[in-house]
Protein backbone atom coordinates (compact mmCIF):
# COMPACT_ATOMS: atom_id res chain seq x y z
CA MET A 1 0.20 -0.01 -0.19
CA SER A 2 1.63 4.06 -0.70
CA SER A 3 1.80 6.26 1.27
CA ASN A 4 -0.44 8.34 -0.15
CA ASN A 5 -3.82 6.07 -0.01
CA MET A 6 -2.98 5.98 4.25
CA ALA A 7 -4.95 8.59 6.30
CA SER A 8 -2.36 11.12 7.87
CA PRO A 9 -3.19 11.13 12.23
CA PRO A 10 -5.70 13.98 13.22
CA ARG A 11 -3.21 16.63 14.23
CA VAL A 12 -2.98 17.64 17.55
CA SER A 13 -2.26 21.25 18.83
CA PRO A 14 0.21 21.89 20.91
CA VAL A 15 -1.67 22.94 23.97
CA LEU A 16 -2.76 18.86 24.52
CA SER A 17 1.78 18.32 24.48
CA ARG A 18 1.14 16.83 28.16
CA ILE A 19 -2.55 14.94 27.15
CA THR A 20 -1.96 10.73 26.33
CA PRO A 21 -4.22 7.90 26.04
CA GLY A 22 -4.75 5.96 27.94
CA LEU A 23 -4.23 8.37 31.02
CA THR A 24 -7.50 8.15 33.42
CA GLY A 25 -9.39 10.20 36.01
CA THR A 26 -11.81 9.33 39.18
CA ALA A 27 -14.48 11.02 40.47
CA GLU A 28 -16.71 9.68 43.53
CA ILE A 29 -19.11 11.26 45.20
CA VAL A 30 -22.27 9.65 48.26
CA VAL A 31 -25.67 10.11 46.53
CA GLY A 32 -27.61 12.87 48.74
CA PRO A 33 -31.42 13.57 48.84
CA GLU A 34 -29.85 16.87 46.91
CA HIS A 35 -28.19 14.37 43.77
CA THR A 36 -32.38 12.97 42.75
CA ALA A 37 -34.87 13.11 39.95
CA PRO A 38 -37.16 14.97 42.11
CA PHE A 39 -34.61 17.46 43.48
CA VAL A 40 -33.00 18.21 40.40
CA GLY A 41 -36.21 18.48 38.92
CA SER A 42 -35.67 14.89 35.84
CA GLY A 43 -37.67 12.86 37.42
CA ARG A 44 -40.15 11.79 40.59
CA ILE A 45 -38.68 8.84 41.72
CA ALA A 46 -35.82 9.63 44.74
CA VAL A 47 -32.33 7.82 42.59
CA LEU A 48 -29.76 9.44 41.31
CA ALA A 49 -30.23 12.62 38.17
CA THR A 50 -28.91 11.33 35.60
CA PRO A 51 -27.75 15.24 35.75
CA VAL A 52 -25.32 14.36 38.40
CA MET A 53 -24.56 11.10 37.04
CA ILE A 54 -23.08 13.58 34.42
CA ASN A 55 -21.11 15.69 36.78
CA VAL A 56 -19.70 13.41 37.95
CA ILE A 57 -18.32 11.76 34.89
CA GLU A 58 -17.37 15.62 33.71
CA ALA A 59 -15.64 15.66 36.80
CA ALA A 60 -13.71 12.17 36.03
CA ALA A 61 -12.34 13.55 32.74
CA LEU A 62 -11.58 17.11 34.13
CA ASN A 63 -8.98 14.60 37.10
CA ALA A 64 -7.28 13.10 34.36
CA VAL A 65 -6.32 16.12 32.55
CA GLU A 66 -7.11 19.52 34.16
CA HIS A 67 -3.90 19.30 35.77
CA LEU A 68 -1.36 18.47 32.31
CA LEU A 69 -2.60 21.40 30.43
CA PRO A 70 -0.81 25.08 30.17
CA PRO A 71 -0.90 27.77 32.64
CA GLY A 72 -4.25 29.74 31.32
CA HIS A 73 -6.30 26.73 29.58
CA GLN A 74 -8.75 24.57 30.53
CA SER A 75 -11.02 22.14 28.82
CA LEU A 76 -14.63 22.84 28.27
CA GLY A 77 -16.99 19.77 27.38
CA ILE A 78 -18.66 20.10 24.29
CA HIS A 79 -20.06 16.80 23.85
CA LEU A 80 -21.88 13.87 25.51
CA ASP A 81 -22.84 10.48 24.73
CA VAL A 82 -24.09 8.68 27.82
CA SER A 83 -26.34 6.01 28.95
CA HIS A 84 -28.17 5.79 32.22
CA VAL A 85 -28.95 2.46 32.62
CA ALA A 86 -29.61 1.61 36.67
CA ALA A 87 -31.31 2.78 39.57
CA THR A 88 -28.77 3.77 42.47
CA PRO A 89 -30.18 4.63 45.79
CA VAL A 90 -29.50 7.43 48.20
CA GLY A 91 -26.77 6.06 50.24
CA LEU A 92 -24.64 4.46 47.86
CA ARG A 93 -20.99 5.06 46.47
CA VAL A 94 -20.87 6.18 42.84
CA THR A 95 -17.54 6.85 40.87
CA ALA A 96 -16.98 7.90 37.88
CA THR A 97 -13.64 7.17 34.96
CA ALA A 98 -12.80 9.03 32.37
CA GLU A 99 -10.37 7.29 29.67
CA VAL A 100 -8.30 9.47 27.34
CA ILE A 101 -8.87 7.78 23.66
CA GLY A 102 -8.34 10.53 21.52
CA LEU A 103 -7.27 13.39 20.64
CA GLU A 104 -8.07 16.14 17.44
CA GLY A 105 -6.69 19.71 17.20
CA ARG A 106 -7.61 21.29 20.74
CA THR A 107 -9.94 18.80 20.93
CA ILE A 108 -9.71 15.26 24.10
CA LYS A 109 -12.08 12.35 23.44
CA PHE A 110 -12.98 9.97 26.65
CA ARG A 111 -14.09 7.37 27.28
CA VAL A 112 -16.60 7.42 30.43
CA GLU A 113 -18.30 4.62 32.82
CA ALA A 114 -19.94 5.35 36.25
CA HIS A 115 -20.37 2.78 38.86
CA ASP A 116 -22.44 2.88 41.93
CA GLU A 117 -21.30 -0.10 44.77
CA PHE A 118 -23.09 -2.62 43.04
CA GLU A 119 -23.32 -2.78 39.11
CA THR A 120 -22.61 -0.29 36.01
CA ILE A 121 -25.07 2.24 35.94
CA GLY A 122 -23.70 4.10 32.72
CA GLY A 123 -21.15 5.45 29.94
CA GLY A 124 -20.78 6.28 26.72
CA THR A 125 -18.36 8.68 25.35
CA HIS A 126 -17.18 12.83 26.05
CA GLU A 127 -15.66 15.23 24.32
CA ARG A 128 -14.03 18.24 25.69
CA VAL A 129 -12.17 21.29 23.89
CA VAL A 130 -9.24 23.28 25.47
CA VAL A 131 -9.46 26.83 25.30
CA SER A 132 -7.65 30.19 26.28
CA VAL A 133 -9.21 30.96 29.41
CA GLU A 134 -8.74 35.26 28.53
CA ARG A 135 -9.94 34.50 25.54
CA PHE A 136 -13.17 32.28 25.65
CA ASP A 137 -13.82 35.23 28.72
CA GLU A 138 -13.38 37.85 25.96
CA ARG A 139 -15.64 36.19 23.89
CA VAL A 140 -18.00 36.00 26.46
CA GLN A 141 -17.77 39.34 27.30
CA ARG A 142 -18.87 40.07 24.21
CA LYS A 143 -21.91 38.24 24.11
CA VAL A 144 -22.67 39.47 27.34
CA ARG A 145 -23.15 42.99 25.56
CA GLY A 146 -24.87 41.75 22.64
CA GLU A 147 -21.59 41.93 20.02
CA THR A 148 -21.48 39.78 16.82
CA SER A 149 -18.43 38.06 17.30
CA ARG A 150 -18.46 38.27 12.86
């Protein structure tokens, strides 16, 4: 096979130079009443709310990479594709894990999973983009003032 037919690897921004596939992070919570679906408005049964599970998943992704970003940069969640397949009652611990599985441009892709003390409760993929905090804040402030960015 000639080199012309092979796909070139995705371009990766220098801001991700310390991020590599295989890096992992974890986060956990003990489910309290404030983490339940009725409390956050996402359902009527007093079990872990899906938005809270997603929050723990995002925290795991942050714990995997945020400390490796250059000064003045942070990652922002831009895509989630997750299932929530088992209920977790108040009092149980939920642990989420995130593993870096790919990099492209300024985007980091993760495989994510959440477990309670008995079973897998959800999982899927998550993407975060790395931004310059200063430039990001400038864009937000323009929007607050009603200015268009283009």
